[in-house]
Amino acid sequence: MEYDVRRKDKLVLLPVQSIRPNPSQPRRSFDADEIANLSESIRKVGVLSPLIVRKVTDTGCVRIGNEAVTPEQYELIAGERRLRAAMRAGLKKVPCIIARSDDNGSALIALTENLQRRELNCFEQGFAMQRLMLMTESTQSELAESLGISQSQVANKVRLLRLSAEEREMILRLGISERQARALLRIESKGDRIFMIKRIAERNMSAAETEKAVDLFLKHQSEEIKRTGRRVIGMVDVRFFVNSIDNAVKMIRKAGINVDAKKTVGDEYIEINLTIPKNKVKC
């Protein structure tokens, strides 16, 4: 893995059209409002922090008159937000540092830059680390040493990829922390985890409260196994559907319909009776 970034005598102004995106960019989502705000800042004061690029050679050539010309092209290593914002601000050239780097080195620099700026969510970090280990055939310990972090930090990020795409999307959308997401990994059933994600958000649980809730769930599940001799599958899924019915009842009542709901919880079942008047709407 080869990379070398020296800032002395390396700063150059490059045309934005000569810079192509980095295929190893670990960041997958870019907030439109953040780009707009950064663009406005760049329009006023310029690009304060240079982009990091590397020269690429497989660019082909263009013909100017009767002469074939190979234009210099560069691949972005770090600074995609700044590049997008600069282009939005109408800049034709941006300050850059030209690095000597191979593909693996480029991916490592991009990940390190984003980690230092805290611009990646925990799942983007995990995907980037996993990809780097596959590209470089390195272990978690070796990657951790390259990034200047502990092996446990790498392990924790990569473990989060066990969560499904649906779960990851919910966790980010609901503002659930990385520590809470790690606690959810202790629950084996996806359905149970999704229920717990919604419960965390509804009750605005802290990380400590989430860990305690997971402990209680696992304890209850263990007790059920001891009592019945079999594993309880989808126990939380049932509560999820019951909760959905409760929410539906609330919506009906908000619409002005005086629905009567009675719930009976037995050892082996939950019975719910709903009585909804056909034409009686509260005003």
Protein backbone atom coordinates (compact mmCIF):
# COMPACT_ATOMS: atom_id res chain seq x y z
CA MET A 1 0.00 0.00 0.00
CA GLU A 2 1.67 3.21 -1.18
CA TYR A 3 0.74 6.74 -0.19
CA ASP A 4 2.64 9.95 0.39
CA VAL A 5 1.13 13.35 1.17
CA ARG A 6 3.53 16.22 1.72
CA ARG A 7 1.98 19.65 1.96
CA LYS A 8 5.17 21.63 1.29
CA ASP A 9 5.40 22.90 -2.33
CA LYS A 10 2.48 20.68 -3.35
CA LEU A 11 -0.38 23.19 -3.41
CA VAL A 12 -1.71 23.79 -6.93
CA LEU A 13 -4.86 25.19 -8.52
CA LEU A 14 -6.63 22.58 -10.66
CA PRO A 15 -9.70 22.91 -12.91
CA VAL A 16 -12.71 21.30 -11.26
CA GLN A 17 -13.51 19.53 -14.54
CA SER A 18 -10.17 17.70 -14.36
CA ILE A 19 -11.04 16.04 -11.03
CA ARG A 20 -13.08 12.85 -10.99
CA PRO A 21 -14.73 11.28 -7.90
CA ASN A 22 -12.92 8.71 -5.79
CA PRO A 23 -14.46 5.22 -6.24
CA SER A 24 -13.14 4.39 -2.76
CA GLN A 25 -14.93 7.34 -1.14
CA PRO A 26 -16.35 5.88 2.09
CA ARG A 27 -19.02 8.57 2.45
CA ARG A 28 -22.21 7.55 0.68
CA SER A 29 -24.63 10.35 1.59
CA PHE A 30 -24.21 14.11 1.28
CA ASP A 31 -26.62 16.47 3.00
CA ALA A 32 -27.97 18.99 0.48
CA ASP A 33 -28.33 21.75 3.09
CA GLU A 34 -24.74 21.23 4.28
CA ILE A 35 -23.45 21.47 0.70
CA ALA A 36 -25.50 24.64 0.15
CA ASN A 37 -24.16 26.25 3.34
CA LEU A 38 -20.58 25.27 2.50
CA SER A 39 -21.05 26.59 -1.03
CA GLU A 40 -22.15 29.97 0.32
CA SER A 41 -19.11 30.06 2.60
CA ILE A 42 -16.80 29.19 -0.30
CA ARG A 43 -18.43 31.88 -2.43
CA LYS A 44 -17.51 34.44 0.25
CA VAL A 45 -14.06 33.32 1.42
CA GLY A 46 -12.95 30.58 -0.98
CA VAL A 47 -11.79 27.01 -0.29
CA LEU A 48 -9.80 27.25 2.94
CA SER A 49 -8.73 23.60 3.16
CA PRO A 50 -7.21 22.12 -0.04
CA LEU A 51 -8.48 18.94 -1.64
CA ILE A 52 -6.20 15.91 -1.89
CA VAL A 53 -5.93 14.35 -5.35
CA ARG A 54 -3.72 11.97 -7.26
CA LYS A 55 -2.79 12.05 -10.94
CA VAL A 56 -4.33 9.34 -13.12
CA THR A 57 -3.03 8.22 -16.49
CA ASP A 58 -5.87 6.18 -18.04
CA THR A 59 -7.67 9.28 -19.32
CA GLY A 60 -7.52 8.79 -23.07
CA CYS A 61 -6.98 11.81 -25.31
CA VAL A 62 -8.88 14.63 -26.95
CA ARG A 63 -8.26 16.22 -30.34
CA ILE A 64 -7.66 19.95 -30.60
CA GLY A 65 -7.55 20.80 -34.30
CA ASN A 66 -5.29 18.20 -35.86
CA GLU A 67 -3.37 17.56 -32.66
CA ALA A 68 -4.13 14.76 -30.18
CA VAL A 69 -3.74 15.98 -26.62
CA THR A 70 -3.84 13.96 -23.40
CA PRO A 71 -5.26 16.29 -20.73
CA GLU A 72 -4.07 15.90 -17.15
CA GLN A 73 -6.72 14.23 -15.04
CA TYR A 74 -6.87 13.73 -11.30
CA GLU A 75 -8.77 11.45 -8.95
CA LEU A 76 -10.13 12.90 -5.74
CA ILE A 77 -8.80 11.27 -2.58
CA ALA A 78 -10.31 13.57 0.04
CA GLY A 79 -12.58 16.61 -0.07
CA GLU A 80 -15.67 15.61 -2.06
CA ARG A 81 -17.95 17.92 -0.03
CA ARG A 82 -15.61 20.83 -0.76
CA LEU A 83 -15.48 19.92 -4.47
CA ARG A 84 -19.26 19.69 -4.76
CA ALA A 85 -19.72 22.96 -2.90
CA ALA A 86 -17.04 24.72 -4.98
CA MET A 87 -18.71 23.62 -8.22
CA ARG A 88 -22.06 24.80 -6.85
CA ALA A 89 -20.45 28.16 -6.03
CA GLY A 90 -19.27 28.44 -9.63
CA LEU A 91 -15.53 28.06 -9.03
CA LYS A 92 -13.54 26.97 -12.08
CA LYS A 93 -10.41 25.97 -10.13
CA VAL A 94 -9.80 24.67 -6.60
CA PRO A 95 -6.65 24.42 -4.44
CA CYS A 96 -5.31 20.88 -4.30
CA ILE A 97 -2.47 18.82 -2.89
CA ILE A 98 -1.20 16.20 -5.33
CA ALA A 99 -0.43 12.97 -3.50
CA ARG A 100 1.56 9.97 -4.66
CA SER A 101 -0.74 7.04 -3.97
CA ASP A 102 -1.92 3.69 -5.30
CA ASP A 103 -5.55 2.50 -5.08
CA ASN A 104 -5.15 1.11 -1.59
CA GLY A 105 -3.33 4.18 -0.34
CA SER A 106 -6.01 6.41 -1.85
CA ALA A 107 -8.73 4.49 -0.03
CA LEU A 108 -6.80 4.69 3.25
CA ILE A 109 -6.24 8.45 2.95
CA ALA A 110 -9.92 9.02 2.12
CA LEU A 111 -11.04 7.01 5.13
CA THR A 112 -8.53 8.68 7.49
CA GLU A 113 -9.53 12.16 6.32
CA ASN A 114 -13.22 11.44 6.89
CA LEU A 115 -12.59 9.82 10.27
CA GLN A 116 -10.59 12.83 11.44
CA ARG A 117 -13.33 15.20 10.30
CA ARG A 118 -16.07 12.95 11.75
CA GLU A 119 -17.95 13.16 8.44
CA LEU A 120 -18.97 9.48 8.21
CA ASN A 121 -21.75 7.74 10.07
CA CYS A 122 -20.83 4.55 11.90
CA PHE A 123 -22.09 2.29 9.08
CA GLU A 124 -20.13 4.14 6.39
CA GLN A 125 -17.06 3.76 8.58
CA GLY A 126 -17.72 0.02 8.94
CA PHE A 127 -18.19 -0.50 5.19
CA ALA A 128 -15.02 1.49 4.41
CA MET A 129 -12.96 -0.49 6.92
CA GLN A 130 -14.28 -3.80 5.66
CA ARG A 131 -13.54 -2.81 2.06
CA LEU A 132 -10.02 -1.70 2.94
CA MET A 133 -9.27 -5.00 4.68
CA LEU A 134 -10.47 -6.91 1.60
CA MET A 135 -8.48 -4.66 -0.77
CA THR A 136 -5.27 -4.88 1.22
CA GLU A 137 -5.77 -8.40 2.60
CA SER A 138 -5.03 -6.98 6.04
CA THR A 139 -6.30 -7.95 9.48
CA GLN A 140 -8.27 -5.74 11.84
CA SER A 141 -5.11 -5.15 13.87
CA GLU A 142 -3.10 -4.14 10.80
CA LEU A 143 -5.81 -1.76 9.60
CA ALA A 144 -6.15 -0.28 13.08
CA GLU A 145 -2.41 0.40 13.15
CA SER A 146 -2.60 2.14 9.74
CA LEU A 147 -5.49 4.32 10.92
CA GLY A 148 -3.97 5.04 14.32
CA ILE A 149 -6.89 3.59 16.27
CA SER A 150 -7.44 0.49 18.41
CA GLN A 151 -8.31 -2.94 17.03
CA SER A 152 -11.52 -2.94 19.10
CA GLN A 153 -12.68 0.24 17.34
CA VAL A 154 -12.31 -1.46 13.96
CA ALA A 155 -14.08 -4.60 15.25
CA ASN A 156 -16.98 -2.58 16.66
CA LYS A 157 -17.53 -0.69 13.38
CA VAL A 158 -17.43 -3.83 11.24
CA ARG A 159 -19.76 -5.72 13.62
CA LEU A 160 -22.47 -3.12 12.95
CA LEU A 161 -22.74 -4.41 9.36
CA ARG A 162 -24.56 -7.45 10.76
CA LEU A 163 -27.62 -5.19 10.98
CA SER A 164 -29.82 -5.26 7.88
CA ALA A 165 -30.15 -2.31 5.48
CA GLU A 166 -33.65 -1.68 6.88
CA GLU A 167 -32.34 -1.56 10.45
CA ARG A 168 -29.44 0.71 9.51
CA GLU A 169 -31.76 3.14 7.75
CA MET A 170 -34.09 3.26 10.77
CA ILE A 171 -31.22 3.78 13.21
CA LEU A 172 -29.87 6.74 11.23
CA ARG A 173 -33.30 8.25 10.61
CA LEU A 174 -34.35 8.00 14.27
CA GLY A 175 -31.05 9.35 15.60
CA ILE A 176 -30.08 6.22 17.51
CA SER A 177 -26.44 6.22 18.62
CA GLU A 178 -23.68 3.79 17.69
CA ARG A 179 -23.52 2.51 21.28
CA GLN A 180 -27.25 1.75 21.19
CA ALA A 181 -26.88 0.01 17.81
CA ARG A 182 -24.13 -2.21 19.25
CA ALA A 183 -26.41 -3.19 22.13
CA LEU A 184 -29.07 -4.29 19.62
CA LEU A 185 -26.63 -6.79 18.08
CA ARG A 186 -27.09 -8.99 21.15
CA ILE A 187 -30.66 -9.70 20.00
CA GLU A 188 -30.73 -12.42 17.35
CA SER A 189 -34.13 -11.86 15.73
CA LYS A 190 -34.38 -9.04 13.19
CA GLY A 191 -38.04 -8.55 14.07
CA ASP A 192 -37.18 -8.19 17.75
CA ARG A 193 -34.44 -5.69 16.93
CA ILE A 194 -36.77 -3.58 14.79
CA PHE A 195 -39.31 -3.51 17.62
CA MET A 196 -36.59 -2.43 20.02
CA ILE A 197 -35.38 0.30 17.64
CA LYS A 198 -38.89 1.76 17.57
CA ARG A 199 -39.20 1.43 21.35
CA ILE A 200 -35.88 3.25 21.86
CA ALA A 201 -37.06 6.13 19.68
CA GLU A 202 -40.56 6.30 21.18
CA ARG A 203 -39.25 6.41 24.74
CA ASN A 204 -36.21 8.55 23.90
CA MET A 205 -33.97 6.05 25.69
CA SER A 206 -30.38 6.85 26.57
CA ALA A 207 -27.58 4.43 25.73
CA ALA A 208 -27.59 3.11 29.31
CA GLU A 209 -31.37 2.64 29.25
CA THR A 210 -31.11 0.82 25.93
CA GLU A 211 -28.52 -1.60 27.29
CA LYS A 212 -30.70 -2.25 30.33
CA ALA A 213 -33.76 -2.87 28.10
CA VAL A 214 -31.78 -5.37 26.03
CA ASP A 215 -30.59 -7.09 29.22
CA LEU A 216 -34.21 -7.43 30.43
CA PHE A 217 -35.33 -8.78 27.06
CA LEU A 218 -32.59 -11.41 26.97
CA LYS A 219 -33.27 -12.35 30.59
CA HIS A 220 -36.98 -12.81 29.86
CA GLN A 221 -36.17 -14.85 26.75
CA SER A 222 -33.83 -17.08 28.77
CA GLU A 223 -36.52 -17.61 31.43
CA GLU A 224 -39.03 -18.59 28.71
CA ILE A 225 -36.61 -21.18 27.37
CA LYS A 226 -36.15 -22.66 30.85
CA ARG A 227 -39.92 -22.64 31.51
CA THR A 228 -41.12 -24.07 28.20
CA GLY A 229 -38.04 -25.95 27.05
CA ARG A 230 -38.04 -24.17 23.69
CA ARG A 231 -36.87 -20.90 22.25
CA VAL A 232 -39.52 -18.22 21.92
CA ILE A 233 -39.49 -16.93 18.35
CA GLY A 234 -40.90 -13.54 17.49
CA MET A 235 -41.97 -12.69 21.04
CA VAL A 236 -41.35 -9.00 20.47
CA ASP A 237 -42.98 -9.18 17.03
CA VAL A 238 -46.30 -9.94 18.76
CA ARG A 239 -45.90 -6.90 20.99
CA PHE A 240 -45.12 -4.85 17.89
CA PHE A 241 -48.48 -5.80 16.33
CA VAL A 242 -50.29 -5.11 19.60
CA ASN A 243 -48.62 -1.72 19.73
CA SER A 244 -49.70 -1.07 16.15
CA ILE A 245 -53.33 -1.79 17.13
CA ASP A 246 -53.03 0.59 20.08
CA ASN A 247 -51.76 3.31 17.76
CA ALA A 248 -54.60 2.64 15.32
CA VAL A 249 -57.12 3.02 18.15
CA LYS A 250 -55.59 6.37 19.08
CA MET A 251 -55.87 7.56 15.47
CA ILE A 252 -59.53 6.51 15.30
CA ARG A 253 -60.29 8.41 18.49
CA LYS A 254 -58.48 11.47 17.21
CA ALA A 255 -60.75 11.31 14.15
CA GLY A 256 -63.72 11.74 16.50
CA ILE A 257 -64.92 8.13 16.65
CA ASN A 258 -65.52 6.83 20.16
CA VAL A 259 -64.03 3.36 19.69
CA ASP A 260 -64.19 1.01 22.68
CA ALA A 261 -61.08 -1.17 23.09
CA LYS A 262 -60.72 -3.99 25.60
CA LYS A 263 -57.52 -5.98 26.00
CA THR A 264 -57.06 -9.23 27.93
CA VAL A 265 -53.57 -10.64 28.40
CA GLY A 266 -53.41 -14.35 29.19
CA ASP A 267 -50.52 -16.79 29.63
CA GLU A 268 -50.79 -18.08 26.07
CA TYR A 269 -52.61 -15.31 24.22
CA ILE A 270 -53.56 -11.62 24.00
CA GLU A 271 -57.22 -10.93 23.28
CA ILE A 272 -58.28 -7.54 21.90
CA ASN A 273 -61.92 -6.57 21.31
CA LEU A 274 -62.77 -3.39 19.41
CA THR A 275 -66.23 -1.89 19.19
CA ILE A 276 -66.57 0.85 16.57
CA PRO A 277 -69.90 2.67 16.07
CA LYS A 278 -70.95 2.92 12.42
CA ASN A 279 -72.42 6.41 12.38
CA LYS A 280 -71.61 8.05 15.69
CA VAL A 281 -68.89 10.62 15.34
CA LYS A 282 -67.98 12.91 18.24
CA CYS A 283 -68.09 16.62 17.40
